[in-house]
Amino acid sequence: MRVTVDTHRCVGSGQCALNAPDVFDQRDEDGVAVVLLAEPPADTHTVVRTAAALCPASAIRLTDPLSPVEEQGI
């Protein structure tokens, strides 16, 4: 799994950082999400998917690094 955040779409709600704090954080100046682990370990995939699903701006993209097809277009 590869994780990216569209920082232009992010509204800084913090749901990603609350649900998957090992993978996401927020910038201090504006609350926009940042990815800490672009390729998180398999044991975190469930919480990363939950964080993506809870993003109110649908700013998180999860993809398979071996495939150009989006795993989850949340």
N, C-alpha and C. Protein backbone atom coordinates (compact mmCIF):
# COMPACT_ATOMS: atom_id res chain seq x y z
N MET A 1 0.85 -1.18 0.00
CA MET A 1 0.00 0.00 0.00
C MET A 1 0.90 1.24 0.00
N ARG A 2 0.53 2.19 -0.84
CA ARG A 2 1.19 3.50 -0.85
C ARG A 2 0.15 4.54 -0.45
N VAL A 3 0.53 5.45 0.43
CA VAL A 3 -0.37 6.47 0.96
C VAL A 3 0.08 7.84 0.48
N THR A 4 -0.86 8.61 -0.05
CA THR A 4 -0.60 10.00 -0.40
C THR A 4 -1.75 10.87 0.09
N VAL A 5 -1.46 12.14 0.27
CA VAL A 5 -2.49 13.11 0.68
C VAL A 5 -2.45 14.27 -0.30
N ASP A 6 -3.62 14.63 -0.80
CA ASP A 6 -3.75 15.82 -1.63
C ASP A 6 -3.87 17.00 -0.67
N THR A 7 -2.77 17.69 -0.47
CA THR A 7 -2.74 18.78 0.51
C THR A 7 -3.63 19.96 0.13
N HIS A 8 -3.99 20.06 -1.13
CA HIS A 8 -4.89 21.14 -1.56
C HIS A 8 -6.33 20.83 -1.19
N ARG A 9 -6.67 19.55 -1.08
CA ARG A 9 -8.02 19.15 -0.69
C ARG A 9 -8.20 19.05 0.82
N CYS A 10 -7.11 18.78 1.52
CA CYS A 10 -7.17 18.55 2.97
C CYS A 10 -7.75 19.77 3.68
N VAL A 11 -8.69 19.51 4.60
CA VAL A 11 -9.31 20.60 5.37
C VAL A 11 -8.82 20.62 6.82
N GLY A 12 -7.88 19.75 7.15
CA GLY A 12 -7.28 19.76 8.48
C GLY A 12 -8.18 19.24 9.59
N SER A 13 -9.08 18.33 9.29
CA SER A 13 -9.98 17.81 10.33
C SER A 13 -9.25 16.94 11.35
N GLY A 14 -8.14 16.33 10.94
CA GLY A 14 -7.34 15.54 11.85
C GLY A 14 -7.78 14.10 12.03
N GLN A 15 -8.80 13.67 11.30
CA GLN A 15 -9.26 12.29 11.44
C GLN A 15 -8.18 11.27 11.10
N CYS A 16 -7.36 11.59 10.12
CA CYS A 16 -6.29 10.66 9.74
C CYS A 16 -5.28 10.51 10.87
N ALA A 17 -4.85 11.62 11.44
CA ALA A 17 -3.85 11.60 12.51
C ALA A 17 -4.41 10.96 13.78
N LEU A 18 -5.69 11.14 14.03
CA LEU A 18 -6.31 10.53 15.21
C LEU A 18 -6.43 9.02 15.05
N ASN A 19 -6.74 8.56 13.87
CA ASN A 19 -6.98 7.14 13.64
C ASN A 19 -5.73 6.34 13.28
N ALA A 20 -4.76 6.97 12.68
CA ALA A 20 -3.52 6.28 12.29
C ALA A 20 -2.33 7.20 12.57
N PRO A 21 -2.04 7.46 13.84
CA PRO A 21 -1.00 8.42 14.20
C PRO A 21 0.42 8.01 13.81
N ASP A 22 0.63 6.74 13.55
CA ASP A 22 1.96 6.30 13.10
C ASP A 22 2.18 6.58 11.62
N VAL A 23 1.08 6.85 10.90
CA VAL A 23 1.15 7.06 9.45
C VAL A 23 0.92 8.51 9.07
N PHE A 24 0.08 9.22 9.84
CA PHE A 24 -0.27 10.61 9.52
C PHE A 24 0.04 11.55 10.67
N ASP A 25 0.32 12.79 10.31
CA ASP A 25 0.45 13.87 11.28
C ASP A 25 -0.16 15.10 10.62
N GLN A 26 -0.11 16.22 11.31
CA GLN A 26 -0.63 17.47 10.77
C GLN A 26 0.41 18.57 10.92
N ARG A 27 0.47 19.45 9.92
CA ARG A 27 1.37 20.59 10.00
C ARG A 27 0.89 21.52 11.10
N ASP A 28 1.83 22.04 11.87
CA ASP A 28 1.48 22.95 12.97
C ASP A 28 0.83 24.23 12.48
N GLU A 29 1.31 24.76 11.36
CA GLU A 29 0.84 26.08 10.93
C GLU A 29 -0.59 26.10 10.39
N ASP A 30 -1.05 24.99 9.80
CA ASP A 30 -2.39 25.02 9.20
C ASP A 30 -3.21 23.75 9.38
N GLY A 31 -2.65 22.73 10.02
CA GLY A 31 -3.39 21.50 10.28
C GLY A 31 -3.49 20.55 9.10
N VAL A 32 -2.90 20.90 7.98
CA VAL A 32 -2.95 20.04 6.80
C VAL A 32 -2.19 18.74 7.08
N ALA A 33 -2.76 17.65 6.63
CA ALA A 33 -2.18 16.33 6.87
C ALA A 33 -0.86 16.14 6.15
N VAL A 34 0.02 15.41 6.81
CA VAL A 34 1.27 14.98 6.20
C VAL A 34 1.40 13.47 6.41
N VAL A 35 2.01 12.81 5.45
CA VAL A 35 2.20 11.37 5.53
C VAL A 35 3.56 11.10 6.17
N LEU A 36 3.55 10.33 7.24
CA LEU A 36 4.80 9.97 7.92
C LEU A 36 5.39 8.69 7.33
N LEU A 37 4.54 7.78 6.92
CA LEU A 37 4.96 6.51 6.31
C LEU A 37 4.21 6.32 5.00
N ALA A 38 4.88 6.58 3.91
CA ALA A 38 4.23 6.47 2.59
C ALA A 38 3.89 5.02 2.24
N GLU A 39 4.64 4.08 2.79
CA GLU A 39 4.36 2.65 2.57
C GLU A 39 4.30 1.98 3.94
N PRO A 40 3.16 2.11 4.62
CA PRO A 40 3.03 1.57 5.97
C PRO A 40 3.06 0.05 5.99
N PRO A 41 3.48 -0.54 7.11
CA PRO A 41 3.52 -2.00 7.21
C PRO A 41 2.11 -2.60 7.13
N ALA A 42 2.05 -3.83 6.71
CA ALA A 42 0.78 -4.52 6.49
C ALA A 42 -0.11 -4.53 7.73
N ASP A 43 0.47 -4.59 8.91
CA ASP A 43 -0.36 -4.65 10.12
C ASP A 43 -1.06 -3.33 10.43
N THR A 44 -0.76 -2.26 9.69
CA THR A 44 -1.45 -0.98 9.87
C THR A 44 -2.46 -0.69 8.77
N HIS A 45 -2.57 -1.53 7.77
CA HIS A 45 -3.43 -1.25 6.62
C HIS A 45 -4.90 -1.04 7.00
N THR A 46 -5.38 -1.79 7.97
CA THR A 46 -6.78 -1.63 8.37
C THR A 46 -7.04 -0.24 8.95
N VAL A 47 -6.16 0.23 9.84
CA VAL A 47 -6.38 1.56 10.42
C VAL A 47 -6.13 2.66 9.40
N VAL A 48 -5.23 2.43 8.46
CA VAL A 48 -4.99 3.42 7.40
C VAL A 48 -6.23 3.52 6.51
N ARG A 49 -6.83 2.40 6.18
CA ARG A 49 -8.08 2.42 5.38
C ARG A 49 -9.19 3.14 6.13
N THR A 50 -9.27 2.90 7.43
CA THR A 50 -10.28 3.59 8.25
C THR A 50 -10.03 5.09 8.24
N ALA A 51 -8.79 5.50 8.41
CA ALA A 51 -8.46 6.92 8.38
C ALA A 51 -8.83 7.55 7.05
N ALA A 52 -8.56 6.84 5.96
CA ALA A 52 -8.91 7.35 4.63
C ALA A 52 -10.42 7.47 4.47
N ALA A 53 -11.13 6.49 4.96
CA ALA A 53 -12.59 6.51 4.85
C ALA A 53 -13.21 7.64 5.67
N LEU A 54 -12.58 8.02 6.77
CA LEU A 54 -13.11 9.07 7.63
C LEU A 54 -12.70 10.48 7.20
N CYS A 55 -11.83 10.58 6.22
CA CYS A 55 -11.41 11.90 5.76
C CYS A 55 -12.59 12.63 5.11
N PRO A 56 -13.05 13.75 5.69
CA PRO A 56 -14.21 14.44 5.14
C PRO A 56 -13.96 15.11 3.79
N ALA A 57 -12.70 15.31 3.45
CA ALA A 57 -12.37 15.97 2.18
C ALA A 57 -11.94 14.98 1.09
N SER A 58 -11.94 13.69 1.44
CA SER A 58 -11.48 12.65 0.50
C SER A 58 -10.10 12.99 -0.07
N ALA A 59 -9.22 13.44 0.83
CA ALA A 59 -7.89 13.88 0.42
C ALA A 59 -6.84 12.76 0.43
N ILE A 60 -7.20 11.61 0.99
CA ILE A 60 -6.24 10.51 1.13
C ILE A 60 -6.43 9.51 0.00
N ARG A 61 -5.33 9.14 -0.62
CA ARG A 61 -5.34 8.13 -1.69
C ARG A 61 -4.49 6.95 -1.26
N LEU A 62 -5.04 5.76 -1.44
CA LEU A 62 -4.33 4.53 -1.14
C LEU A 62 -4.18 3.76 -2.44
N THR A 63 -2.96 3.41 -2.77
CA THR A 63 -2.70 2.69 -4.01
C THR A 63 -1.77 1.52 -3.75
N ASP A 64 -1.79 0.59 -4.67
CA ASP A 64 -0.86 -0.53 -4.66
C ASP A 64 0.35 -0.07 -5.45
N PRO A 65 1.54 -0.05 -4.84
CA PRO A 65 2.71 0.47 -5.56
C PRO A 65 3.08 -0.35 -6.81
N LEU A 66 2.56 -1.56 -6.93
CA LEU A 66 2.84 -2.39 -8.10
C LEU A 66 1.80 -2.24 -9.20
N SER A 67 0.76 -1.46 -8.91
CA SER A 67 -0.33 -1.29 -9.87
C SER A 67 -0.70 0.18 -9.97
N PRO A 68 -0.99 0.68 -11.17
CA PRO A 68 -1.40 2.07 -11.30
C PRO A 68 -2.85 2.31 -10.88
N VAL A 69 -3.58 1.27 -10.54
CA VAL A 69 -4.98 1.38 -10.19
C VAL A 69 -5.10 1.72 -8.71
N GLU A 70 -5.97 2.67 -8.40
CA GLU A 70 -6.19 3.05 -7.00
C GLU A 70 -6.81 1.91 -6.25
N GLU A 71 -6.29 1.66 -5.04
CA GLU A 71 -6.89 0.65 -4.17
C GLU A 71 -8.17 1.19 -3.58
N GLN A 72 -8.10 2.46 -3.17
CA GLN A 72 -9.24 3.08 -2.53
C GLN A 72 -9.22 4.55 -2.85
N GLY A 73 -10.24 5.02 -3.53
CA GLY A 73 -10.31 6.44 -3.86
C GLY A 73 -11.19 7.15 -2.88
N ILE A 74 -10.74 7.25 -1.69
CA ILE A 74 -11.54 7.88 -0.64
C ILE A 74 -11.30 9.37 -0.66
